[in-house]
Structures are given as C-alpha cells and as structure tokens.
C-alpha cells in the first residue's frame, strides 16, 4: 500500500476527531484526581512559539498545545474549582490557581547545588543548610510508614521550624537572597508532601511524561497548524494513558475508528477507573 504524508496527516486528524469523547473523559477523571502533576515545554505551531503542557496522575495523562503559558491553560484542563493538590515547578502561571500546591523539590535542590558549587564556604552556607533540610524532609517521607503518628508529626514540625528559621535570616549575597525570596514566596507549598500521602516531593511524574514530547519536538519541530497541534495533543494523551495502564493503544485506535462515534470511550484505562 502506498501512502502519502498528506493521507497520514488526514487519518491522524480523523482519529483525533473520533477520540474527542475519550479525551474529554480523561480530562474529567483528571479533574477529580487527588493529585495532578503539571509541567510545560517549548513548542512550535507553524513556526510560531507555543507551549506543550502535560497534566498527569496515576492513571491519566493529558497533553495540550497552546500559544500561551498562562493560567488560562491550567484552568481549561483542571477546571475552575480543582480540589486536589497541584504539583509543579515555580512557574508564575501556577500561582493564581486556588488549590493546594506542591512545588517540586528537584528543581529547588538543583538550584541550591548550583549556588553551592560557585560560592565560598561562607556564602554557600545558606544553600547547604536549605538542601539539608529538604533532603531530611524527603527522607522523612520515605520513613513515614515505619514511624508512629506522633513521631512523624514531631519530626515534621522540626523540619518546618528549621526552614522557617533559615528563611527568616537576612542574606546579602544576591544569589542567596534571590533564592531565599523564592522559597519564602512558595513557603506554604514546600512541604505539602509531608501532609498528603499521595503527594511526592518531586515533580518527576510530569517531567517523565514530557520526555516523549521532547523527542517528538526534535523530530518534527512542532506542528504546522493549530489543527495539527490539537491532533497531537489528543492522540498523545490517549497513547500515554494507554501505556500507563498497560493497554494496547493500537487496539484502542482500531476500536475508535471502527465505531466512528466521538462519544464512545476507548479502552485505554483500567476497568476499575473507566467504570
């Protein structure tokens, strides 16, 4: 069978049209999730700057390509009244969202390490102490199940107190002051993972979900049109969700094309969740 590039693009768009119902169902499940991890990366639509966003949790991953990096995209996917915990980096777009948040400790530890690597021992004291507190919090999370409730609460309180005392100091070094101010700004969202069992200290889930998109960007440089961007978001969401749940995406795509009904829900989720 000889197939041209235009035919492949057209069939991809047809699959996306018939997958709208499944995509909306995945979005509904995501909005009701206890924890959602989000991240974004640069993209292109017809050579114009854009952003590919990812929102993921245990069973569902949603991709969406938009030309802006604002809170509007977050509200579009999670709704106006998201009641779960939103895990992300410190991008300003997440700040206005009225939800419990967790700021990924991975990026913060990396920034602290970068300061420590170039500063004198005296100037690096802040970054060393902050990193030590964060590492202690991550270790406490790992040991949670082996501790009594009282012991865990006591250790958690000590970590909170040490961080408050550290951030209460005045720092003259500009790099230390900049990072300390950022941590003060997000102070209420540094240790959410110590209070909510399902929340992880890092945002690794979203970063892992972005890797296939980064590879696709290297191969394609993005999308040639808004229609192509919408198609990419829908099909990538179904494929990644199927992969998360050990389902066969090819079989799901066949089912979608055979039914030719946008309201049908493709078999990309575990039975327990899809029911």
Protein backbone atom coordinates (compact mmCIF):
# COMPACT_ATOMS: atom_id res chain seq x y z
CA UNK A 1 0.00 0.00 0.00
CA UNK A 2 1.37 3.39 -0.99
CA UNK A 3 0.52 6.16 1.43
CA UNK A 4 1.49 9.82 1.12
CA UNK A 5 2.27 12.17 4.02
CA UNK A 6 -0.98 14.08 3.49
CA UNK A 7 -3.02 10.90 3.84
CA UNK A 8 -1.28 10.03 7.11
CA UNK A 9 -1.94 13.52 8.45
CA UNK A 10 -5.57 13.28 7.41
CA UNK A 11 -6.03 9.90 9.09
CA UNK A 12 -4.43 11.23 12.25
CA UNK A 13 -6.92 14.09 12.30
CA UNK A 14 -9.78 11.64 11.72
CA UNK A 15 -8.62 9.51 14.66
CA UNK A 16 -8.44 12.64 16.82
CA UNK A 17 -11.99 13.68 15.85
CA UNK A 18 -13.39 10.29 16.84
CA UNK A 19 -11.35 10.38 20.08
CA UNK A 20 -12.88 13.60 21.43
CA UNK A 21 -15.20 11.71 23.79
CA UNK A 22 -12.31 9.69 25.24
CA UNK A 23 -10.18 12.82 25.63
CA UNK A 24 -12.99 14.60 27.48
CA UNK A 25 -13.50 11.56 29.72
CA UNK A 26 -9.80 11.54 30.61
CA UNK A 27 -9.99 15.25 31.42
CA UNK A 28 -12.97 14.63 33.71
CA UNK A 29 -11.07 11.90 35.58
CA UNK A 30 -8.04 14.18 35.91
CA UNK A 31 -10.13 16.99 37.41
CA UNK A 32 -11.38 14.65 40.12
CA UNK A 33 -7.89 13.37 40.99
CA UNK A 34 -6.35 13.78 44.43
CA UNK A 35 -3.01 14.85 42.91
CA UNK A 36 -2.09 16.20 39.46
CA UNK A 37 1.48 16.86 38.32
CA UNK A 38 1.90 19.53 35.65
CA UNK A 39 4.74 20.84 33.51
CA UNK A 40 5.29 22.56 30.18
CA UNK A 41 7.92 22.81 27.45
CA UNK A 42 8.54 24.97 24.41
CA UNK A 43 6.74 24.05 21.17
CA UNK A 44 6.04 25.43 17.70
CA UNK A 45 2.84 25.92 15.71
CA UNK A 46 3.54 26.99 12.12
CA UNK A 47 7.00 28.17 13.25
CA UNK A 48 5.43 30.40 15.94
CA UNK A 49 6.35 29.99 19.59
CA UNK A 50 3.93 27.86 21.60
CA UNK A 51 3.87 25.58 24.64
CA UNK A 52 3.10 21.93 25.12
CA UNK A 53 1.57 21.28 28.53
CA UNK A 54 1.25 17.98 30.35
CA UNK A 55 -1.08 17.14 33.25
CA UNK A 56 -0.67 13.67 34.69
CA UNK A 57 -1.58 11.40 37.59
CA UNK A 58 -1.54 7.67 38.29
CA UNK A 59 -3.95 6.61 35.53
CA UNK A 60 -4.35 9.55 33.15
CA UNK A 61 -2.10 11.89 31.19
CA UNK A 62 -3.40 14.87 29.20
CA UNK A 63 -1.35 16.85 26.67
CA UNK A 64 -2.44 20.17 25.24
CA UNK A 65 -0.64 22.59 22.90
CA UNK A 66 -1.39 26.27 23.28
CA UNK A 67 0.25 29.51 22.16
CA UNK A 68 0.46 30.90 25.67
CA UNK A 69 1.92 29.84 29.00
CA UNK A 70 -0.71 31.42 31.23
CA UNK A 71 -3.04 30.24 33.98
CA UNK A 72 -5.81 30.06 31.38
CA UNK A 73 -4.47 26.74 30.12
CA UNK A 74 -4.35 25.29 33.64
CA UNK A 75 -7.94 26.33 34.33
CA UNK A 76 -9.04 24.96 30.96
CA UNK A 77 -7.76 21.48 31.83
CA UNK A 78 -8.32 21.32 35.59
CA UNK A 79 -11.45 23.45 35.72
CA UNK A 80 -12.17 26.47 37.88
CA UNK A 81 -12.53 24.55 41.15
CA UNK A 82 -9.81 21.92 41.28
CA UNK A 83 -9.86 20.36 44.76
CA UNK A 84 -6.75 18.22 44.59
CA UNK A 85 -3.07 19.04 45.02
CA UNK A 86 -1.32 20.60 42.02
CA UNK A 87 2.36 19.65 41.82
CA UNK A 88 4.53 21.85 39.59
CA UNK A 89 7.69 23.92 39.36
CA UNK A 90 7.76 27.58 40.39
CA UNK A 91 6.48 28.97 37.08
CA UNK A 92 4.34 32.03 37.80
CA UNK A 93 1.41 30.64 35.78
CA UNK A 94 0.55 28.25 38.62
CA UNK A 95 0.49 30.91 41.34
CA UNK A 96 -3.09 32.23 40.79
CA UNK A 97 -4.61 28.74 40.83
CA UNK A 98 -6.64 28.38 44.02
CA UNK A 99 -5.69 24.86 45.05
CA UNK A 100 -3.32 23.11 47.40
CA UNK A 101 0.10 23.01 45.76
CA UNK A 102 3.41 21.23 45.97
CA UNK A 103 6.49 22.86 44.47
CA UNK A 104 8.84 20.20 43.10
CA UNK A 105 11.90 19.84 45.29
CA UNK A 106 14.04 18.53 42.42
CA UNK A 107 14.39 21.93 40.74
CA UNK A 108 14.98 23.61 44.08
CA UNK A 109 17.73 21.17 45.06
CA UNK A 110 19.36 21.69 41.66
CA UNK A 111 19.36 25.49 42.11
CA UNK A 112 20.75 25.16 45.63
CA UNK A 113 23.50 22.85 44.38
CA UNK A 114 24.41 25.31 41.61
CA UNK A 115 24.86 28.12 44.14
CA UNK A 116 26.90 25.92 46.46
CA UNK A 117 29.24 24.96 43.59
CA UNK A 118 30.33 28.54 42.85
CA UNK A 119 30.24 30.24 46.24
CA UNK A 120 32.77 30.49 49.01
CA UNK A 121 32.10 28.27 52.05
CA UNK A 122 30.62 31.23 53.94
CA UNK A 123 28.35 32.30 51.06
CA UNK A 124 27.33 28.68 50.39
CA UNK A 125 26.11 28.13 53.94
CA UNK A 126 22.52 29.06 53.08
CA UNK A 127 22.28 26.67 50.13
CA UNK A 128 23.90 23.86 52.10
CA UNK A 129 21.55 24.28 55.05
CA UNK A 130 18.45 24.59 52.86
CA UNK A 131 19.39 21.49 50.87
CA UNK A 132 20.00 19.56 54.09
CA UNK A 133 16.53 20.46 55.40
CA UNK A 134 14.86 19.45 52.14
CA UNK A 135 16.77 16.16 51.99
CA UNK A 136 15.73 15.47 55.57
CA UNK A 137 12.10 16.08 54.61
CA UNK A 138 12.37 13.70 51.66
CA UNK A 139 13.93 11.07 53.88
CA UNK A 140 11.13 11.54 56.42
CA UNK A 141 8.60 10.90 53.65
CA UNK A 142 10.32 7.60 52.87
CA UNK A 143 10.24 6.53 56.52
CA UNK A 144 6.66 7.59 57.16
CA UNK A 145 5.12 4.11 57.19
CA UNK A 146 7.68 2.84 59.68
CA UNK A 147 7.05 5.64 62.19
CA UNK A 148 4.34 6.29 64.74
CA UNK A 149 1.93 9.14 64.02
CA UNK A 150 3.27 11.11 66.96
CA UNK A 151 6.92 10.61 65.97
CA UNK A 152 6.20 11.56 62.36
CA UNK A 153 4.33 14.73 63.36
CA UNK A 154 7.17 15.73 65.70
CA UNK A 155 9.83 15.23 63.02
CA UNK A 156 7.71 17.13 60.50
CA UNK A 157 7.34 20.05 62.90
CA UNK A 158 11.10 20.18 63.44
CA UNK A 159 11.69 20.38 59.69
CA UNK A 160 9.12 23.16 59.30
CA UNK A 161 10.71 25.09 62.17
CA UNK A 162 14.23 24.78 60.79
CA UNK A 163 13.14 26.02 57.39
CA UNK A 164 11.29 28.98 58.92
CA UNK A 165 14.32 29.98 60.95
CA UNK A 166 16.59 29.69 57.92
CA UNK A 167 14.33 31.83 55.72
CA UNK A 168 13.87 34.41 58.47
CA UNK A 169 17.52 35.47 58.19
CA UNK A 170 18.78 38.33 56.03
CA UNK A 171 21.08 37.38 53.14
CA UNK A 172 23.35 39.93 51.49
CA UNK A 173 24.61 37.68 48.69
CA UNK A 174 22.30 38.41 45.69
CA UNK A 175 22.02 34.78 44.60
CA UNK A 176 21.18 33.61 48.10
CA UNK A 177 18.70 36.44 48.55
CA UNK A 178 17.00 35.69 45.22
CA UNK A 179 16.59 32.01 46.02
CA UNK A 180 15.55 32.69 49.63
CA UNK A 181 12.88 35.11 48.39
CA UNK A 182 11.55 32.48 46.00
CA UNK A 183 11.36 29.94 48.81
CA UNK A 184 9.61 32.47 51.04
CA UNK A 185 7.09 33.16 48.28
CA UNK A 186 6.29 29.44 47.99
CA UNK A 187 6.84 28.61 51.66
CA UNK A 188 3.33 27.19 52.15
CA UNK A 189 3.87 24.79 49.25
CA UNK A 190 7.31 23.38 50.06
CA UNK A 191 6.26 20.51 52.32
CA UNK A 192 2.74 19.59 51.24
CA UNK A 193 4.10 16.10 50.54
CA UNK A 194 4.63 15.64 54.29
CA UNK A 195 0.90 16.11 54.90
CA UNK A 196 -0.74 14.37 51.92
CA UNK A 197 0.15 10.72 51.43
CA UNK A 198 -0.34 10.70 47.65
CA UNK A 199 1.92 13.70 47.00
CA UNK A 200 5.56 13.13 46.07
CA UNK A 201 8.29 15.66 46.91
CA UNK A 202 9.41 15.97 43.29
CA UNK A 203 7.53 16.66 40.07
CA UNK A 204 9.22 13.75 38.31
CA UNK A 205 5.96 12.26 37.04
CA UNK A 206 5.26 15.31 34.87
CA UNK A 207 8.87 15.54 33.74
CA UNK A 208 8.84 11.89 32.66
CA UNK A 209 5.59 12.45 30.78
CA UNK A 210 7.23 15.32 28.86
CA UNK A 211 10.08 13.16 27.52
CA UNK A 212 8.12 11.66 24.59
CA UNK A 213 7.05 15.18 23.62
CA UNK A 214 10.64 16.41 23.70
CA UNK A 215 11.65 13.57 21.38
CA UNK A 216 8.74 14.37 19.06
CA UNK A 217 9.81 18.03 19.02
CA UNK A 218 13.34 17.10 17.96
CA UNK A 219 11.95 15.05 15.07
CA UNK A 220 9.18 17.39 13.92
CA UNK A 221 9.98 20.84 15.37
CA UNK A 222 6.35 21.05 16.44
CA UNK A 223 3.15 21.29 14.37
CA UNK A 224 2.40 23.04 11.11
CA UNK A 225 -1.10 24.17 12.06
CA UNK A 226 -3.46 24.58 15.04
CA UNK A 227 -5.36 21.53 13.77
CA UNK A 228 -2.16 19.50 13.84
CA UNK A 229 -1.43 20.73 17.38
CA UNK A 230 -4.90 19.67 18.55
CA UNK A 231 -4.46 16.28 16.88
CA UNK A 232 -1.09 15.78 18.52
CA UNK A 233 -2.48 16.62 21.97
CA UNK A 234 -5.40 14.21 21.71
CA UNK A 235 -3.55 11.23 20.23
CA UNK A 236 -0.53 11.67 22.52
CA UNK A 237 -2.89 11.77 25.53
CA UNK A 238 -4.55 8.50 24.56
CA UNK A 239 -1.24 6.81 23.76
CA UNK A 240 0.45 7.84 27.02
CA UNK A 241 -2.62 6.94 29.10
CA UNK A 242 -2.79 3.52 27.46
CA UNK A 243 0.92 2.99 28.15
CA UNK A 244 0.46 3.93 31.83
CA UNK A 245 -2.24 1.32 32.21
CA UNK A 246 -0.69 -1.49 30.22
CA UNK A 247 -3.32 -1.20 27.48
CA UNK A 248 -2.76 -1.64 23.73
CA UNK A 249 -3.03 1.77 22.09
CA UNK A 250 -3.19 0.26 18.57
CA UNK A 251 -6.17 -1.85 19.62
CA UNK A 252 -7.78 1.24 21.16
CA UNK A 253 -7.22 3.23 17.96
CA UNK A 254 -8.79 0.43 15.91
CA UNK A 255 -11.81 0.41 18.21
CA UNK A 256 -12.20 4.17 17.81
CA UNK A 257 -12.02 4.02 14.01
CA UNK A 258 -14.40 1.06 13.82
CA UNK A 259 -17.06 2.70 15.99
CA UNK A 260 -16.64 6.09 14.28
CA UNK A 261 -18.52 7.61 17.23
CA UNK A 262 -16.88 10.54 19.09
CA UNK A 263 -18.95 9.75 22.19
CA UNK A 264 -17.50 6.24 22.61
CA UNK A 265 -14.79 5.81 25.25
CA UNK A 266 -11.70 3.96 24.01
CA UNK A 267 -10.24 1.15 26.17
CA UNK A 268 -7.16 2.99 27.44
CA UNK A 269 -7.95 2.84 31.17
CA UNK A 270 -8.16 0.03 33.74
CA UNK A 271 -11.70 -1.32 34.04
CA UNK A 272 -11.97 -0.08 37.63
CA UNK A 273 -11.23 3.52 36.59
CA UNK A 274 -13.22 3.54 33.35
CA UNK A 275 -16.29 2.24 35.19
